């Protein structure tokens, strides 16, 4: 997905919010915002929004000397999700259609996104869960996903955020785990999930976990490691969680299903849905099993 003019104000807001969260030094705030504005002037609009976010958060880490500015926010998100997990797992087990229930709850977890909002509290997460349990996902999209999962022999599950990754465990539990590999970010950026978060969520005990070698809040293949790019090319189904993965991979000629909550008006318009919608969007350019 390309960058739109409406993204510029979001870049500046994210730069200021992030710098204020990390430090009280007004000089750092000014430096990060000024550099963000300079980058916005120079950037190509055919780049995806996560490219700009990658530059902003590299600058933030360099300016503050903090390699993981959102570490405490990620810890709180994981703890909240783990407290909720036993109840959510029971709801999945008790559901008439456990796959669809787990799918909706996994998407609900995408509300834990500090790239879109500077503050997320317990009520936001509880509201997202209630919305998921009371919203019907598009049945044809769910059926297509179920069919793609059944046909795929090698599934990559691209995680998005800390906290959210605990919700992903519900859906991964409904997949053929012997055919699933979980992918996390190569190093910290915003509140995106890394190997440490996968371990905290207990996912390393369920499926193999690899990282993509990148610090982008999405999957910009050109910045990922050669090993990950080879793995991506070999897979016959990619389940991509979150808006960042949609923004960076929606133009790829690959068998991808995007799962996210549409929190941004620009993305909602790009997808063709309402803000707040639970999105199951399949890109079937290369059917599972094809060469």
Protein backbone atom coordinates (compact mmCIF):
# COMPACT_ATOMS: atom_id res chain seq x y z
CA UNK A 1 0.00 0.00 0.00
CA UNK A 2 1.28 3.48 -0.86
CA UNK A 3 1.49 6.43 1.50
CA UNK A 4 -1.30 9.01 1.29
CA UNK A 5 -1.29 12.70 2.24
CA UNK A 6 -3.46 11.93 5.26
CA UNK A 7 -0.61 9.73 6.58
CA UNK A 8 1.67 12.74 7.11
CA UNK A 9 -0.15 14.07 10.17
CA UNK A 10 -0.09 10.57 11.64
CA UNK A 11 3.70 10.37 11.17
CA UNK A 12 4.17 13.63 13.07
CA UNK A 13 1.74 12.61 15.83
CA UNK A 14 3.50 9.26 16.22
CA UNK A 15 6.94 10.90 16.34
CA UNK A 16 5.88 13.37 19.05
CA UNK A 17 3.91 10.83 21.10
CA UNK A 18 6.73 8.30 20.98
CA UNK A 19 9.44 10.79 21.91
CA UNK A 20 7.38 12.13 24.84
CA UNK A 21 6.74 8.61 26.08
CA UNK A 22 10.46 7.83 26.14
CA UNK A 23 11.95 11.07 27.48
CA UNK A 24 11.02 14.43 29.01
CA UNK A 25 13.85 16.14 27.11
CA UNK A 26 12.16 18.79 24.92
CA UNK A 27 15.27 19.02 22.73
CA UNK A 28 14.85 15.35 21.79
CA UNK A 29 11.15 15.93 21.06
CA UNK A 30 12.00 18.78 18.73
CA UNK A 31 14.80 16.88 17.01
CA UNK A 32 12.60 13.84 16.32
CA UNK A 33 9.69 15.93 15.01
CA UNK A 34 11.90 18.13 12.81
CA UNK A 35 13.62 15.09 11.32
CA UNK A 36 10.23 13.46 10.72
CA UNK A 37 9.07 16.54 8.82
CA UNK A 38 12.28 16.51 6.75
CA UNK A 39 11.77 12.85 5.90
CA UNK A 40 8.13 13.52 4.98
CA UNK A 41 9.25 16.18 2.50
CA UNK A 42 11.77 13.86 0.88
CA UNK A 43 10.00 10.47 0.99
CA UNK A 44 8.50 8.85 -2.09
CA UNK A 45 4.77 8.30 -1.76
CA UNK A 46 5.02 4.92 -3.43
CA UNK A 47 6.67 3.68 -0.22
CA UNK A 48 4.42 2.13 2.41
CA UNK A 49 3.70 3.99 5.69
CA UNK A 50 5.77 1.48 7.73
CA UNK A 51 8.86 2.60 5.80
CA UNK A 52 8.48 6.05 7.35
CA UNK A 53 7.69 4.57 10.77
CA UNK A 54 10.90 2.54 10.53
CA UNK A 55 12.90 5.74 9.97
CA UNK A 56 11.13 7.58 12.81
CA UNK A 57 11.76 4.86 15.35
CA UNK A 58 15.37 4.36 14.30
CA UNK A 59 15.83 8.09 14.93
CA UNK A 60 14.05 7.82 18.30
CA UNK A 61 16.26 4.95 19.44
CA UNK A 62 19.40 6.79 18.35
CA UNK A 63 18.35 10.09 19.97
CA UNK A 64 17.48 8.52 23.32
CA UNK A 65 20.03 5.69 23.47
CA UNK A 66 17.13 3.35 24.30
CA UNK A 67 17.12 0.21 22.09
CA UNK A 68 13.55 -0.74 23.05
CA UNK A 69 11.54 2.36 24.04
CA UNK A 70 8.23 0.45 24.22
CA UNK A 71 9.52 -2.39 26.39
CA UNK A 72 7.40 -1.45 29.40
CA UNK A 73 4.29 -0.98 27.25
CA UNK A 74 4.87 -4.41 25.72
CA UNK A 75 5.26 -5.97 29.16
CA UNK A 76 1.93 -4.52 30.31
CA UNK A 77 0.20 -5.65 27.12
CA UNK A 78 1.48 -9.20 27.45
CA UNK A 79 0.45 -9.36 31.10
CA UNK A 80 -3.07 -8.12 30.30
CA UNK A 81 -3.50 -10.59 27.46
CA UNK A 82 -2.21 -13.49 29.55
CA UNK A 83 -4.70 -12.63 32.31
CA UNK A 84 -7.51 -12.74 29.76
CA UNK A 85 -6.29 -15.84 27.93
CA UNK A 86 -7.85 -18.62 30.09
CA UNK A 87 -11.33 -17.11 29.73
CA UNK A 88 -10.89 -16.60 26.00
CA UNK A 89 -9.62 -20.14 25.56
CA UNK A 90 -12.74 -21.43 27.32
CA UNK A 91 -14.94 -19.38 25.00
CA UNK A 92 -13.21 -20.88 21.97
CA UNK A 93 -13.62 -24.41 23.32
CA UNK A 94 -17.29 -23.84 24.08
CA UNK A 95 -18.10 -22.28 20.69
CA UNK A 96 -20.09 -24.10 18.03
CA UNK A 97 -17.42 -23.04 15.53
CA UNK A 98 -14.13 -22.81 17.41
CA UNK A 99 -12.16 -21.80 14.31
CA UNK A 100 -14.30 -18.74 13.58
CA UNK A 101 -14.42 -17.72 17.24
CA UNK A 102 -10.64 -17.99 17.57
CA UNK A 103 -10.24 -16.06 14.32
CA UNK A 104 -12.41 -13.19 15.56
CA UNK A 105 -10.61 -13.01 18.89
CA UNK A 106 -7.20 -13.07 17.22
CA UNK A 107 -8.27 -10.08 15.12
CA UNK A 108 -9.66 -8.35 18.23
CA UNK A 109 -6.16 -8.50 19.71
CA UNK A 110 -4.99 -6.19 16.92
CA UNK A 111 -6.43 -3.29 18.92
CA UNK A 112 -3.18 -3.38 20.96
CA UNK A 113 -1.35 -1.13 18.50
CA UNK A 114 0.74 1.77 19.80
CA UNK A 115 1.50 2.87 16.25
CA UNK A 116 -2.12 3.99 15.86
CA UNK A 117 -2.74 5.19 19.40
CA UNK A 118 -0.45 6.47 22.10
CA UNK A 119 -2.62 5.04 24.90
CA UNK A 120 -4.49 1.72 25.10
CA UNK A 121 -6.15 0.68 28.35
CA UNK A 122 -7.89 -2.44 29.62
CA UNK A 123 -11.33 -1.15 28.56
CA UNK A 124 -10.18 -0.77 24.95
CA UNK A 125 -9.14 -4.42 24.87
CA UNK A 126 -12.31 -5.62 26.62
CA UNK A 127 -14.44 -3.63 24.17
CA UNK A 128 -12.56 -5.17 21.23
CA UNK A 129 -13.19 -8.66 22.61
CA UNK A 130 -16.90 -7.96 23.08
CA UNK A 131 -17.12 -6.54 19.56
CA UNK A 132 -15.42 -9.62 18.10
CA UNK A 133 -17.75 -12.00 19.94
CA UNK A 134 -20.79 -10.07 18.71
CA UNK A 135 -19.70 -9.43 15.12
CA UNK A 136 -20.14 -11.90 12.30
CA UNK A 137 -17.09 -12.22 10.09
CA UNK A 138 -17.71 -12.31 6.34
CA UNK A 139 -18.64 -15.99 5.85
CA UNK A 140 -17.16 -16.41 2.37
CA UNK A 141 -13.82 -14.99 3.51
CA UNK A 142 -13.79 -17.34 6.52
CA UNK A 143 -14.64 -20.30 4.29
CA UNK A 144 -11.87 -19.35 1.86
CA UNK A 145 -9.37 -19.07 4.70
CA UNK A 146 -10.44 -22.42 6.12
CA UNK A 147 -10.01 -24.00 2.69
CA UNK A 148 -6.59 -22.38 2.15
CA UNK A 149 -5.40 -23.63 5.54
CA UNK A 150 -6.58 -27.14 4.70
CA UNK A 151 -4.72 -27.16 1.40
CA UNK A 152 -1.48 -25.53 2.57
CA UNK A 153 1.51 -27.65 3.53
CA UNK A 154 3.70 -24.75 4.74
CA UNK A 155 2.03 -21.87 6.60
CA UNK A 156 3.83 -18.73 7.76
CA UNK A 157 2.01 -16.82 10.49
CA UNK A 158 3.31 -13.24 10.63
CA UNK A 159 2.72 -11.82 14.11
CA UNK A 160 2.15 -8.15 14.74
CA UNK A 161 2.16 -6.73 18.28
CA UNK A 162 3.05 -7.75 21.81
CA UNK A 163 -0.09 -8.62 23.75
CA UNK A 164 -1.85 -9.32 20.47
CA UNK A 165 0.47 -12.30 20.05
CA UNK A 166 -1.24 -13.96 23.04
CA UNK A 167 -4.56 -13.69 21.16
CA UNK A 168 -2.83 -15.25 18.14
CA UNK A 169 -2.26 -18.35 20.23
CA UNK A 170 -6.02 -18.97 20.12
CA UNK A 171 -6.04 -19.10 16.33
CA UNK A 172 -2.78 -21.00 16.02
CA UNK A 173 -4.32 -23.62 18.28
CA UNK A 174 -6.99 -24.15 15.60
CA UNK A 175 -4.46 -24.54 12.79
CA UNK A 176 -2.49 -27.68 11.80
CA UNK A 177 0.46 -26.71 14.01
CA UNK A 178 2.86 -29.16 12.39
CA UNK A 179 2.60 -26.99 9.26
CA UNK A 180 2.83 -23.58 10.94
CA UNK A 181 5.87 -21.36 11.57
CA UNK A 182 5.47 -18.14 13.54
CA UNK A 183 7.37 -15.05 12.37
CA UNK A 184 8.24 -12.07 14.60
CA UNK A 185 10.23 -8.86 14.04
CA UNK A 186 13.99 -9.07 13.93
CA UNK A 187 14.48 -6.32 16.52
CA UNK A 188 12.31 -3.99 18.62
CA UNK A 189 10.19 -1.35 16.91
CA UNK A 190 7.14 0.33 18.49
CA UNK A 191 5.28 -2.45 20.38
CA UNK A 192 5.77 -5.08 17.67
CA UNK A 193 6.35 -8.64 18.83
CA UNK A 194 9.85 -10.12 18.97
CA UNK A 195 11.10 -13.58 19.96
CA UNK A 196 10.86 -12.61 23.62
CA UNK A 197 7.15 -11.86 23.26
CA UNK A 198 6.55 -15.17 21.47
CA UNK A 199 8.22 -16.96 24.38
CA UNK A 200 6.16 -15.02 26.96
CA UNK A 201 3.01 -15.99 25.06
CA UNK A 202 4.07 -19.66 25.14
CA UNK A 203 4.05 -19.94 21.37
CA UNK A 204 7.59 -21.29 21.13
CA UNK A 205 6.25 -24.46 22.78
CA UNK A 206 3.58 -24.86 20.08
CA UNK A 207 5.26 -23.98 16.77
CA UNK A 208 8.70 -23.04 15.44
CA UNK A 209 9.48 -19.33 15.82
CA UNK A 210 11.71 -17.37 13.44
CA UNK A 211 12.35 -13.66 12.96
CA UNK A 212 12.35 -11.66 9.76
CA UNK A 213 15.64 -9.85 10.42
CA UNK A 214 14.04 -6.40 10.12
CA UNK A 215 13.17 -3.48 12.40
CA UNK A 216 10.25 -2.29 10.26
CA UNK A 217 6.75 -2.29 11.81
CA UNK A 218 5.51 -4.47 9.00
CA UNK A 219 7.14 -6.79 6.48
CA UNK A 220 9.20 -4.74 4.02
CA UNK A 221 10.78 -7.66 2.19
CA UNK A 222 13.74 -5.62 0.98
CA UNK A 223 14.79 -4.95 4.59
CA UNK A 224 14.26 -8.55 5.75
CA UNK A 225 17.01 -11.15 5.99
CA UNK A 226 17.79 -13.36 2.97
CA UNK A 227 16.82 -16.41 5.06
CA UNK A 228 13.39 -14.98 5.75
CA UNK A 229 12.86 -13.91 2.13
CA UNK A 230 13.64 -17.45 0.99
CA UNK A 231 11.24 -18.85 3.59
CA UNK A 232 8.53 -16.40 2.52
CA UNK A 233 8.93 -17.39 -1.13
CA UNK A 234 8.70 -21.10 -0.32
CA UNK A 235 5.54 -20.94 1.81
CA UNK A 236 2.21 -21.70 0.21
CA UNK A 237 0.10 -19.69 2.68
CA UNK A 238 0.98 -16.57 4.65
CA UNK A 239 -1.33 -15.43 7.45
CA UNK A 240 -0.40 -11.79 8.02
CA UNK A 241 -1.66 -10.09 11.18
CA UNK A 242 -2.06 -6.36 11.59
CA UNK A 243 -2.25 -3.18 9.58
CA UNK A 244 1.53 -2.91 9.15
CA UNK A 245 1.70 -6.26 7.40
CA UNK A 246 -1.24 -5.25 5.20
CA UNK A 247 0.43 -1.95 4.31
CA UNK A 248 3.71 -3.63 3.34
CA UNK A 249 2.50 -6.84 1.69
CA UNK A 250 -0.83 -6.01 0.04
CA UNK A 251 0.83 -5.58 -3.35
CA UNK A 252 2.78 -8.85 -3.26
CA UNK A 253 2.08 -11.64 -5.73
CA UNK A 254 1.79 -14.26 -3.00
CA UNK A 255 -0.90 -16.33 -1.25
CA UNK A 256 -1.60 -14.09 1.75
CA UNK A 257 -4.56 -13.68 4.06
CA UNK A 258 -4.61 -10.39 5.97
CA UNK A 259 -6.22 -10.32 9.41
CA UNK A 260 -6.59 -7.02 11.24
CA UNK A 261 -8.90 -4.49 12.82
CA UNK A 262 -9.24 -1.44 10.54
CA UNK A 263 -8.25 1.32 12.95
CA UNK A 264 -7.21 3.92 10.37
CA UNK A 265 -9.52 5.74 7.90
CA UNK A 266 -6.88 5.56 5.16
CA UNK A 267 -6.55 1.79 5.47
CA UNK A 268 -10.31 1.34 5.77
CA UNK A 269 -10.72 3.22 2.49
CA UNK A 270 -7.96 1.19 0.85
CA UNK A 271 -9.63 -2.08 1.90
CA UNK A 272 -13.18 -0.85 1.29
CA UNK A 273 -14.54 -1.31 4.80
CA UNK A 274 -15.69 0.77 7.76
CA UNK A 275 -13.29 2.00 10.43
CA UNK A 276 -13.41 -0.56 13.24
CA UNK A 277 -14.24 -3.49 10.95
CA UNK A 278 -12.68 -6.91 11.55
CA UNK A 279 -10.94 -7.66 8.26
CA UNK A 280 -10.32 -11.08 6.69
CA UNK A 281 -8.90 -10.28 3.26
CA UNK A 282 -7.43 -12.94 0.99
CA UNK A 283 -4.90 -12.33 -1.73
CA UNK A 284 -5.04 -15.51 -3.82
CA UNK A 285 -2.66 -14.48 -6.59
CA UNK A 286 -0.80 -17.77 -6.17
CA UNK A 287 -3.06 -20.60 -4.95
CA UNK A 288 -1.65 -22.94 -2.27
CA UNK A 289 0.48 -25.69 -3.78
CA UNK A 290 1.14 -23.89 -7.09
CA UNK A 291 4.65 -23.24 -8.33
